[in-house]
């Protein structure tokens, strides 16, 4: 039981440490922070990253590039 609880809390800590920075990145780029939760679904995470990487960001746009 002790190993299972350590794994569970380790998973929760990893989840929090992974979601918070991605939430901030998506929010600063002008997207919904809820997209960060999709990064834990296999193959969907790649689609989300490509969508964000190659779409026009709503803030911080520069002309000429």
N, C-alpha and C. Protein backbone atom coordinates (compact mmCIF):
# COMPACT_ATOMS: atom_id res chain seq x y z
N UNK A 1 0.82 -1.20 0.00
CA UNK A 1 0.00 0.00 0.00
C UNK A 1 0.87 1.26 0.00
N UNK A 2 2.02 1.20 0.63
CA UNK A 2 2.88 2.37 0.71
C UNK A 2 3.45 2.74 -0.65
N UNK A 3 3.84 1.75 -1.45
CA UNK A 3 4.39 2.02 -2.78
C UNK A 3 3.32 2.60 -3.69
N UNK A 4 2.10 2.10 -3.58
CA UNK A 4 1.01 2.61 -4.41
C UNK A 4 0.71 4.07 -4.10
N UNK A 5 0.74 4.43 -2.84
CA UNK A 5 0.45 5.83 -2.49
C UNK A 5 1.58 6.75 -2.95
N UNK A 6 2.83 6.27 -2.88
CA UNK A 6 3.95 7.07 -3.35
C UNK A 6 3.84 7.28 -4.86
N UNK A 7 3.48 6.23 -5.59
CA UNK A 7 3.31 6.37 -7.04
C UNK A 7 2.17 7.31 -7.38
N UNK A 8 1.08 7.22 -6.62
CA UNK A 8 -0.07 8.09 -6.87
C UNK A 8 0.31 9.56 -6.66
N UNK A 9 0.92 9.85 -5.51
CA UNK A 9 1.28 11.24 -5.24
C UNK A 9 2.39 11.73 -6.17
N UNK A 10 3.27 10.84 -6.59
CA UNK A 10 4.26 11.20 -7.59
C UNK A 10 3.61 11.57 -8.91
N UNK A 11 2.58 10.81 -9.29
CA UNK A 11 1.84 11.12 -10.51
C UNK A 11 1.12 12.44 -10.43
N UNK A 12 0.54 12.74 -9.27
CA UNK A 12 -0.15 14.02 -9.08
C UNK A 12 0.85 15.17 -9.16
N UNK A 13 2.00 15.01 -8.55
CA UNK A 13 3.03 16.07 -8.60
C UNK A 13 3.49 16.27 -10.04
N UNK A 14 3.74 15.19 -10.77
CA UNK A 14 4.14 15.30 -12.17
C UNK A 14 3.07 16.01 -12.99
N UNK A 15 1.82 15.65 -12.76
CA UNK A 15 0.70 16.26 -13.48
C UNK A 15 0.67 17.77 -13.25
N UNK A 16 0.82 18.17 -12.00
CA UNK A 16 0.79 19.60 -11.67
C UNK A 16 1.99 20.32 -12.26
N UNK A 17 3.18 19.70 -12.16
CA UNK A 17 4.38 20.34 -12.70
C UNK A 17 4.35 20.43 -14.23
N UNK A 18 3.61 19.58 -14.88
CA UNK A 18 3.54 19.61 -16.35
C UNK A 18 2.43 20.53 -16.84
N UNK A 19 1.32 20.58 -16.15
CA UNK A 19 0.16 21.35 -16.62
C UNK A 19 0.35 22.85 -16.41
N UNK A 20 0.87 23.25 -15.28
CA UNK A 20 0.96 24.69 -14.97
C UNK A 20 1.78 25.46 -16.00
N UNK A 21 3.00 25.03 -16.36
CA UNK A 21 3.75 25.81 -17.36
C UNK A 21 3.08 25.81 -18.74
N UNK A 22 2.51 24.66 -19.14
CA UNK A 22 1.86 24.62 -20.44
C UNK A 22 0.60 25.50 -20.45
N UNK A 23 -0.12 25.54 -19.35
CA UNK A 23 -1.30 26.40 -19.22
C UNK A 23 -0.88 27.86 -19.42
N UNK A 24 0.22 28.26 -18.78
CA UNK A 24 0.71 29.64 -18.91
C UNK A 24 1.16 29.94 -20.33
N UNK A 25 1.83 29.00 -20.98
CA UNK A 25 2.30 29.21 -22.35
C UNK A 25 1.12 29.38 -23.29
N UNK A 26 0.12 28.50 -23.17
CA UNK A 26 -1.05 28.60 -24.04
C UNK A 26 -1.80 29.90 -23.78
N UNK A 27 -1.92 30.30 -22.53
CA UNK A 27 -2.63 31.54 -22.21
C UNK A 27 -1.90 32.76 -22.76
N UNK A 28 -0.58 32.79 -22.62
CA UNK A 28 0.19 33.92 -23.13
C UNK A 28 0.18 33.98 -24.65
N UNK A 29 0.00 32.83 -25.29
CA UNK A 29 -0.06 32.80 -26.75
C UNK A 29 -1.45 33.15 -27.27
N UNK A 30 -2.42 33.32 -26.35
CA UNK A 30 -3.76 33.71 -26.76
C UNK A 30 -4.72 32.54 -26.93
N UNK A 31 -4.31 31.36 -26.51
CA UNK A 31 -5.17 30.18 -26.59
C UNK A 31 -5.75 29.88 -25.22
N UNK A 32 -6.70 28.99 -25.18
CA UNK A 32 -7.29 28.58 -23.91
C UNK A 32 -6.28 27.73 -23.14
N UNK A 33 -6.19 27.99 -21.86
CA UNK A 33 -5.29 27.20 -21.02
C UNK A 33 -5.72 25.75 -20.89
N UNK A 34 -6.99 25.48 -21.17
CA UNK A 34 -7.51 24.12 -21.08
C UNK A 34 -6.85 23.19 -22.09
N UNK A 35 -6.21 23.74 -23.11
CA UNK A 35 -5.50 22.89 -24.07
C UNK A 35 -4.38 22.11 -23.40
N UNK A 36 -3.88 22.60 -22.29
CA UNK A 36 -2.79 21.91 -21.58
C UNK A 36 -3.23 20.53 -21.11
N UNK A 37 -4.49 20.36 -20.81
CA UNK A 37 -4.97 19.05 -20.35
C UNK A 37 -4.98 18.03 -21.47
N UNK A 38 -5.06 18.48 -22.71
CA UNK A 38 -5.06 17.56 -23.84
C UNK A 38 -3.68 16.95 -24.09
N UNK A 39 -2.66 17.51 -23.47
CA UNK A 39 -1.30 17.00 -23.68
C UNK A 39 -1.08 15.64 -23.03
N UNK A 40 -2.01 15.18 -22.22
CA UNK A 40 -1.86 13.88 -21.57
C UNK A 40 -2.58 12.78 -22.33
N UNK A 41 -3.18 13.10 -23.47
CA UNK A 41 -3.84 12.10 -24.30
C UNK A 41 -2.90 11.77 -25.46
N UNK A 42 -2.49 10.50 -25.56
CA UNK A 42 -1.55 10.14 -26.63
C UNK A 42 -2.10 10.49 -28.02
N UNK A 43 -1.24 10.93 -28.89
CA UNK A 43 -1.50 11.37 -30.26
C UNK A 43 -2.25 12.69 -30.32
N UNK A 44 -3.17 12.93 -29.40
CA UNK A 44 -3.84 14.23 -29.35
C UNK A 44 -2.84 15.30 -28.95
N UNK A 45 -1.87 14.94 -28.09
CA UNK A 45 -0.87 15.90 -27.67
C UNK A 45 -0.06 16.41 -28.86
N UNK A 46 0.25 15.55 -29.82
CA UNK A 46 0.98 16.01 -31.01
C UNK A 46 0.14 16.95 -31.86
N UNK A 47 -1.13 16.64 -32.00
CA UNK A 47 -2.02 17.50 -32.78
C UNK A 47 -2.12 18.88 -32.13
N UNK A 48 -2.25 18.92 -30.82
CA UNK A 48 -2.35 20.20 -30.11
C UNK A 48 -1.07 21.00 -30.25
N UNK A 49 0.08 20.35 -30.09
CA UNK A 49 1.35 21.07 -30.22
C UNK A 49 1.56 21.62 -31.63
N UNK A 50 1.22 20.83 -32.64
CA UNK A 50 1.34 21.32 -34.01
C UNK A 50 0.35 22.45 -34.28
N UNK A 51 -0.85 22.34 -33.74
CA UNK A 51 -1.85 23.39 -33.91
C UNK A 51 -1.36 24.71 -33.32
N UNK A 52 -0.84 24.64 -32.11
CA UNK A 52 -0.36 25.86 -31.45
C UNK A 52 0.90 26.39 -32.13
N UNK A 53 1.79 25.51 -32.53
CA UNK A 53 3.06 25.94 -33.11
C UNK A 53 2.88 26.63 -34.46
N UNK A 54 1.95 26.14 -35.28
CA UNK A 54 1.83 26.65 -36.64
C UNK A 54 0.62 27.54 -36.88
N UNK A 55 -0.11 27.89 -35.85
CA UNK A 55 -1.24 28.79 -36.03
C UNK A 55 -0.79 30.22 -35.78
N UNK A 56 -1.62 31.16 -36.17
CA UNK A 56 -1.33 32.57 -35.91
C UNK A 56 -1.70 32.88 -34.48
N UNK A 57 -0.71 33.34 -33.71
CA UNK A 57 -0.97 33.67 -32.32
C UNK A 57 -1.68 35.01 -32.25
N UNK A 58 -2.56 35.12 -31.31
CA UNK A 58 -3.40 36.31 -31.19
C UNK A 58 -2.67 37.49 -30.56
N UNK A 59 -1.56 37.23 -29.88
CA UNK A 59 -0.79 38.30 -29.27
C UNK A 59 0.65 38.19 -29.71
N UNK A 60 1.36 39.29 -29.67
CA UNK A 60 2.78 39.28 -29.99
C UNK A 60 3.10 39.06 -31.45
N UNK A 61 2.19 39.39 -32.34
CA UNK A 61 2.46 39.20 -33.75
C UNK A 61 3.37 40.29 -34.28
N UNK A 62 4.29 39.90 -35.12
CA UNK A 62 5.18 40.87 -35.75
C UNK A 62 4.97 40.78 -37.25
N UNK A 63 5.14 41.89 -37.91
CA UNK A 63 4.96 41.89 -39.36
C UNK A 63 6.30 41.57 -40.01
N UNK A 64 6.24 40.86 -41.11
CA UNK A 64 7.44 40.58 -41.88
C UNK A 64 7.98 39.18 -41.69
N UNK A 65 7.53 38.44 -40.69
CA UNK A 65 8.06 37.08 -40.52
C UNK A 65 6.99 36.07 -40.79
